[in-house]
Protein backbone atom coordinates (compact mmCIF):
# COMPACT_ATOMS: atom_id res chain seq x y z
CA MET A 1 62.90 191.78 128.94
CA GLY A 2 64.63 189.71 131.63
CA ILE A 3 65.24 191.08 135.10
CA PHE A 4 68.98 191.56 134.44
CA ASN A 5 68.34 193.53 131.23
CA PHE A 6 65.64 195.60 132.96
CA LEU A 7 67.97 196.53 135.83
CA VAL A 8 70.82 197.47 133.48
CA SER A 9 68.60 199.60 131.23
CA LYS A 10 67.09 201.46 134.19
CA SER A 11 70.28 202.02 136.19
CA ILE A 12 73.04 202.48 133.62
CA MET A 13 72.94 206.30 133.71
CA PHE A 14 73.73 206.20 137.45
CA ILE A 15 76.47 203.56 137.47
CA PRO A 16 79.94 205.06 138.20
CA ALA A 17 82.26 205.45 135.22
CA PRO A 18 84.89 202.90 136.37
CA ILE A 19 82.22 200.18 136.50
CA VAL A 20 80.81 201.16 133.11
CA ASN A 21 84.34 200.88 131.76
CA ILE A 22 84.51 197.22 132.84
CA PHE A 23 81.45 196.51 130.72
CA ALA A 24 82.38 198.71 127.77
CA LYS A 25 86.11 198.26 127.17
CA SER A 26 85.63 195.44 124.65
CA TYR A 27 83.46 197.71 122.52
CA ILE A 28 85.83 200.67 122.25
CA ALA A 29 89.25 200.42 120.59
CA GLY A 30 90.92 202.56 123.24
CA PRO A 31 91.73 206.21 123.99
CA THR A 32 93.99 206.92 120.99
CA LEU A 33 93.97 206.77 117.21
CA TYR A 34 96.79 204.24 117.49
CA ASP A 35 94.33 201.90 119.25
CA ALA A 36 91.81 202.31 116.42
CA VAL A 37 94.53 201.60 113.83
CA ARG A 38 95.57 198.45 115.67
CA VAL A 39 92.01 197.16 115.90
CA THR A 40 91.32 198.03 112.26
CA HIS A 41 94.39 196.12 111.12
CA GLU A 42 93.10 193.10 113.06
CA LEU A 43 89.68 193.39 111.43
CA ASN A 44 91.15 193.81 107.96
CA ASN A 45 93.21 190.66 108.49
CA LYS A 46 89.92 188.83 109.13
CA GLY A 47 88.42 190.10 105.88
CA MET A 48 86.38 192.90 107.49
CA MET A 49 86.24 196.62 106.80
CA ALA A 50 85.98 199.34 109.44
CA THR A 51 84.56 202.79 110.02
CA ILE A 52 86.64 204.75 112.52
CA ASP A 53 84.96 207.26 114.82
CA ILE A 54 86.49 209.61 117.36
CA LEU A 55 84.05 209.79 120.26
CA GLY A 56 82.58 213.14 121.21
CA GLU A 57 79.39 215.07 120.48
CA PHE A 58 77.36 218.16 121.44
CA VAL A 59 80.46 220.38 121.60
CA ASN A 60 80.16 223.74 123.37
CA THR A 61 82.70 225.86 121.48
CA LYS A 62 83.92 226.37 117.93
CA ASP A 63 87.43 225.56 119.11
CA GLU A 64 86.22 222.10 120.15
CA ALA A 65 84.52 221.61 116.80
CA THR A 66 87.68 222.68 114.95
CA PHE A 67 89.66 220.21 117.03
CA TYR A 68 87.36 217.35 115.98
CA LYS A 69 87.43 218.48 112.34
CA ASN A 70 91.23 218.36 112.38
CA GLU A 71 91.15 214.97 114.06
CA CYS A 72 88.89 213.61 111.30
CA VAL A 73 91.33 214.87 108.67
CA LYS A 74 94.12 213.19 110.63
CA ILE A 75 92.18 209.92 110.72
CA LEU A 76 91.69 210.02 106.94
CA ASN A 77 95.40 210.67 106.42
CA THR A 78 96.28 207.83 108.79
CA ILE A 79 93.95 205.42 106.97
CA LYS A 80 95.77 206.27 103.75
CA LYS A 81 99.23 206.00 105.31
CA GLU A 82 98.50 202.68 107.02
CA GLY A 83 96.76 201.17 103.97
CA LEU A 84 93.63 200.40 105.98
CA ASN A 85 90.36 199.22 104.48
CA ALA A 86 88.38 201.79 106.44
CA ASN A 87 86.40 205.02 106.24
CA ILE A 88 85.25 207.46 108.93
CA SER A 89 82.07 208.38 110.75
CA LEU A 90 81.36 211.75 112.35
CA LYS A 91 78.55 213.45 114.25
CA PRO A 92 77.13 216.82 113.18
CA THR A 93 77.04 218.14 116.76
CA GLN A 94 80.71 217.20 117.01
CA MET A 95 81.32 219.59 114.10
CA GLY A 96 79.46 222.47 115.77
CA LEU A 97 75.88 222.01 114.53
CA LEU A 98 74.40 223.39 117.75
CA LEU A 99 76.63 226.46 117.59
CA ASP A 100 76.38 227.55 113.95
CA LYS A 101 74.88 225.46 111.16
CA GLU A 102 76.94 227.04 108.39
CA PHE A 103 80.10 226.65 110.44
CA ALA A 104 79.30 222.96 110.97
CA PHE A 105 78.54 222.51 107.27
CA GLY A 106 81.89 224.09 106.39
CA ASN A 107 83.71 221.72 108.73
CA ILE A 108 81.96 218.65 107.33
CA LYS A 109 82.44 219.75 103.74
CA GLU A 110 86.18 220.20 104.35
CA ILE A 111 86.39 216.65 105.69
CA VAL A 112 84.34 215.18 102.84
CA ALA A 113 86.40 217.07 100.25
CA HIS A 114 89.58 215.66 101.80
CA ALA A 115 88.07 212.17 101.78
CA LYS A 116 87.35 212.58 98.07
CA GLU A 117 90.97 213.58 97.43
CA LEU A 118 92.10 210.42 99.19
CA GLY A 119 89.50 208.18 97.56
CA ASN A 120 87.73 207.63 100.86
CA PHE A 121 84.26 208.12 102.37
CA VAL A 122 82.55 209.94 105.26
CA ARG A 123 79.44 208.72 107.04
CA ILE A 124 77.47 211.54 108.68
CA ASP A 125 75.97 209.88 111.76
CA MET A 126 72.41 210.46 112.90
CA GLU A 127 71.79 211.79 116.38
CA ASP A 128 68.56 212.57 118.25
CA THR A 129 65.39 213.76 116.47
CA PRO A 130 65.95 217.54 116.90
CA ARG A 131 68.94 216.99 114.59
CA THR A 132 67.26 214.76 111.98
CA ASP A 133 66.24 217.45 109.48
CA ASP A 134 69.58 219.23 109.72
CA THR A 135 71.54 216.00 109.25
CA LEU A 136 69.56 214.94 106.19
CA GLY A 137 69.95 218.48 104.90
CA LEU A 138 73.72 218.27 105.23
CA PHE A 139 73.71 215.08 103.18
CA ARG A 140 71.45 216.65 100.53
CA LYS A 141 73.80 219.66 100.18
CA LEU A 142 76.90 217.47 99.80
CA ARG A 143 75.76 214.40 97.91
CA GLU A 144 75.87 215.57 94.29
CA GLU A 145 79.33 217.14 94.49
CA TYR A 146 80.71 214.18 96.42
CA ILE A 147 78.93 211.15 94.97
CA GLY A 148 80.51 208.02 96.37
CA HIS A 149 82.25 209.89 99.17
CA VAL A 150 79.46 210.82 101.61
CA GLY A 151 76.46 209.15 103.16
CA THR A 152 74.27 209.42 106.24
CA VAL A 153 72.04 207.30 108.49
CA LEU A 154 68.36 206.34 108.66
CA GLN A 155 66.68 204.81 111.71
CA SER A 156 63.83 202.31 111.49
CA TYR A 157 62.34 203.20 114.87
CA LEU A 158 61.42 206.65 113.55
CA ARG A 159 57.93 206.90 112.07
CA ARG A 160 59.16 209.40 109.49
CA THR A 161 61.85 207.26 107.87
CA PRO A 162 59.86 205.84 104.91
CA GLN A 163 58.88 209.38 103.94
CA ASP A 164 62.48 210.56 104.34
CA ILE A 165 63.49 207.92 101.80
CA GLU A 166 60.90 209.23 99.38
CA ASN A 167 61.93 212.84 99.95
CA LEU A 168 65.59 212.05 99.26
CA SER A 169 64.99 209.77 96.29
CA ASP A 170 65.63 212.56 93.77
CA GLY A 171 69.39 212.04 93.99
CA TYR A 172 72.28 209.86 95.07
CA LEU A 173 71.37 207.56 97.98
CA ASN A 174 73.86 206.11 100.44
CA PHE A 175 72.63 205.21 103.91
CA ARG A 176 73.44 203.20 106.96
CA LEU A 177 70.11 201.71 108.05
CA CYS A 178 69.92 200.96 111.78
CA LYS A 179 67.18 200.62 114.38
CA GLY A 180 68.10 203.72 116.43
CA ILE A 181 69.25 204.14 120.02
CA TYR A 182 68.12 207.53 121.34
CA ASN A 183 65.15 207.69 123.72
CA GLU A 184 62.55 209.43 121.58
CA PRO A 185 58.87 210.19 122.35
CA ARG A 186 56.27 207.71 121.13
CA LYS A 187 54.76 210.25 118.74
CA LEU A 188 58.04 210.24 116.83
CA ALA A 189 59.35 206.71 117.32
CA TYR A 190 57.94 203.21 117.46
CA LYS A 191 58.42 201.51 120.82
CA ASP A 192 57.37 197.96 119.91
CA PRO A 193 60.42 195.87 118.82
CA TYR A 194 58.30 193.92 116.34
CA ILE A 195 57.13 197.10 114.59
CA ILE A 196 60.68 198.50 114.56
CA ASN A 197 61.85 195.32 112.83
CA GLN A 198 58.99 195.40 110.35
CA ASN A 199 59.74 199.01 109.51
CA TYR A 200 63.41 198.09 109.09
CA ILE A 201 62.50 195.44 106.51
CA TYR A 202 60.07 197.82 104.79
CA CYS A 203 62.66 200.63 104.60
CA LEU A 204 65.42 198.28 103.44
CA GLU A 205 63.27 197.00 100.58
CA LYS A 206 62.30 200.56 99.64
CA LEU A 207 65.98 201.52 99.54
CA PHE A 208 66.89 198.51 97.39
CA GLN A 209 64.05 199.39 95.02
CA LYS A 210 65.53 202.88 94.66
CA LYS A 211 69.03 201.51 93.94
CA ALA A 212 70.48 202.94 97.15
CA TYR A 213 73.73 201.70 98.58
CA VAL A 214 72.88 200.46 102.07
CA GLY A 215 74.98 199.65 105.10
CA ILE A 216 72.73 197.04 106.72
CA ALA A 217 73.52 197.81 110.35
CA THR A 218 72.13 195.18 112.69
CA HIS A 219 73.07 192.47 115.18
CA ASP A 220 69.59 190.96 114.94
CA GLU A 221 69.85 187.71 113.00
CA LYS A 222 66.18 187.92 112.08
CA LEU A 223 66.97 191.11 110.18
CA VAL A 224 70.08 189.58 108.64
CA PHE A 225 67.87 186.76 107.35
CA GLU A 226 65.34 189.22 105.90
CA ALA A 227 68.14 191.28 104.34
CA LEU A 228 69.58 188.20 102.64
CA ARG A 229 66.13 187.36 101.32
CA LEU A 230 65.78 190.83 99.81
CA ILE A 231 69.32 190.74 98.41
CA GLU A 232 68.43 187.55 96.57
CA LYS A 233 65.05 188.92 95.49
CA TYR A 234 66.61 192.00 93.86
CA GLY A 235 69.64 190.16 92.48
CA LEU A 236 72.12 192.46 94.19
CA LYS A 237 75.86 192.05 93.76
CA LYS A 238 78.11 192.10 96.80
CA GLU A 239 79.34 195.59 95.80
CA ASP A 240 75.78 196.95 96.09
CA PHE A 241 75.54 196.75 99.89
CA GLU A 242 77.41 195.87 103.06
CA PHE A 243 76.55 194.62 106.52
CA GLN A 244 77.65 196.70 109.51
CA MET A 245 78.14 195.78 113.15
CA LEU A 246 79.53 197.33 116.32
CA LEU A 247 82.93 196.40 117.64
CA GLY A 248 82.68 193.56 120.15
CA VAL A 249 79.05 192.63 119.50
CA ASP A 250 78.12 189.12 118.29
CA GLU A 251 81.46 188.30 116.74
CA GLU A 252 80.17 184.87 115.76
CA LEU A 253 77.41 186.38 113.61
CA ARG A 254 79.81 188.72 111.85
CA GLU A 255 82.08 185.76 111.05
CA ILE A 256 79.08 183.87 109.64
CA ILE A 257 78.25 186.82 107.39
CA VAL A 258 81.83 187.20 106.15
CA SER A 259 82.22 183.47 105.62
CA ALA A 260 79.15 183.57 103.36
CA GLY A 261 81.03 185.98 101.09
CA HIS A 262 79.37 189.24 102.16
CA ARG A 263 81.14 192.49 102.90
CA LEU A 264 81.00 193.60 106.51
CA ARG A 265 82.13 196.81 108.18
CA VAL A 266 82.79 197.14 111.92
CA TYR A 267 82.27 200.41 113.77
CA VAL A 268 85.54 201.20 115.61
CA PRO A 269 85.16 204.05 118.12
CA PHE A 270 88.07 205.49 120.05
CA GLY A 271 88.79 208.48 122.26
CA LYS A 272 88.51 209.84 125.76
CA GLU A 273 84.82 210.76 125.49
CA TRP A 274 83.71 207.16 125.87
CA LEU A 275 81.31 207.35 128.81
CA ALA A 276 78.16 208.76 127.12
CA TYR A 277 78.61 206.41 124.16
CA SER A 278 79.05 203.41 126.45
CA ARG A 279 75.99 204.24 128.54
CA ARG A 280 73.81 204.58 125.42
CA ARG A 281 75.02 201.26 124.05
CA LEU A 282 74.51 199.44 127.35
CA LYS A 283 71.03 200.94 127.70
CA GLU A 284 70.20 199.80 124.16
CA ASN A 285 71.68 196.34 124.58
CA PRO A 286 72.09 195.17 128.21
CA ASN A 287 73.37 191.82 126.91
CA ILE A 288 76.70 193.63 126.44
CA ALA A 289 76.90 193.93 130.21
CA ARG A 290 75.95 190.27 130.64
CA HIS A 291 78.70 189.22 128.24
CA ALA A 292 81.25 191.46 129.96
CA LEU A 293 80.38 190.00 133.37
CA LYS A 294 80.87 186.48 132.06
CA GLN A 295 84.28 187.43 130.72
CA PHE A 296 85.22 189.27 133.91
CA PHE A 297 84.30 186.41 136.23
CA LYS A 298 85.18 183.66 133.70
CA ILE A 299 81.62 182.33 133.79
CA LYS A 300 81.00 179.64 131.15
């Protein structure tokens, strides 16, 4: 890790919000759903899909959770009204998981049922490891009734992920596979980037073997290369998978993927609760800050 990346990763939690906003504004659509709609239209015009996410997590009251549930329903309705090629992502703690598990399940089920009515899809995001079992359990409870309309997330930095794939292989499989961004203890998560990448490739192949639909979520071209190798090996059609990337990150790579004829979905977050999300992303990938500084000072 270079000195710039080291300094960003160690100091980002203490940098004032206005400065974080300078770095992060290219990676968030804006404060309103209208901003997410605008960005999604732009992506669709470039041949890319989107998943729209209203920022916010770890809510403290059921009223907050109900607010986010209603917002997710509104997003689904707006996607339909605007004719967008997009689905939605949501976080279990945003739906009240820490308050009441059955209450959170009811909220998520209502959203997924509405998505099914509209012919759309809900991705249940993965959060930190204390939430892993509950999140996979939510998916297990919903997947048979809502085949094709709900999926969740697996993380290759977690040591448990290959076994999670095996445990869930008795039914419908739809996952976003990513590396993972939360700071987890070594006993639960790999710390070596090489091992994380190797586990990513191992898990991706295991998922392809089990006929899972996978959102291949990475900005690491080494992993894109390995994914393309596996796609060819298993003779997958373009409808059997998709690539996924974050808004504003390595736009050249995403254009390369789309130009090669592959489907690609961009994560489009919006909302007022942008600070925690931005700090996590900058900690995970300090090159975002480097890129933002170049743009800000017009450095070539």
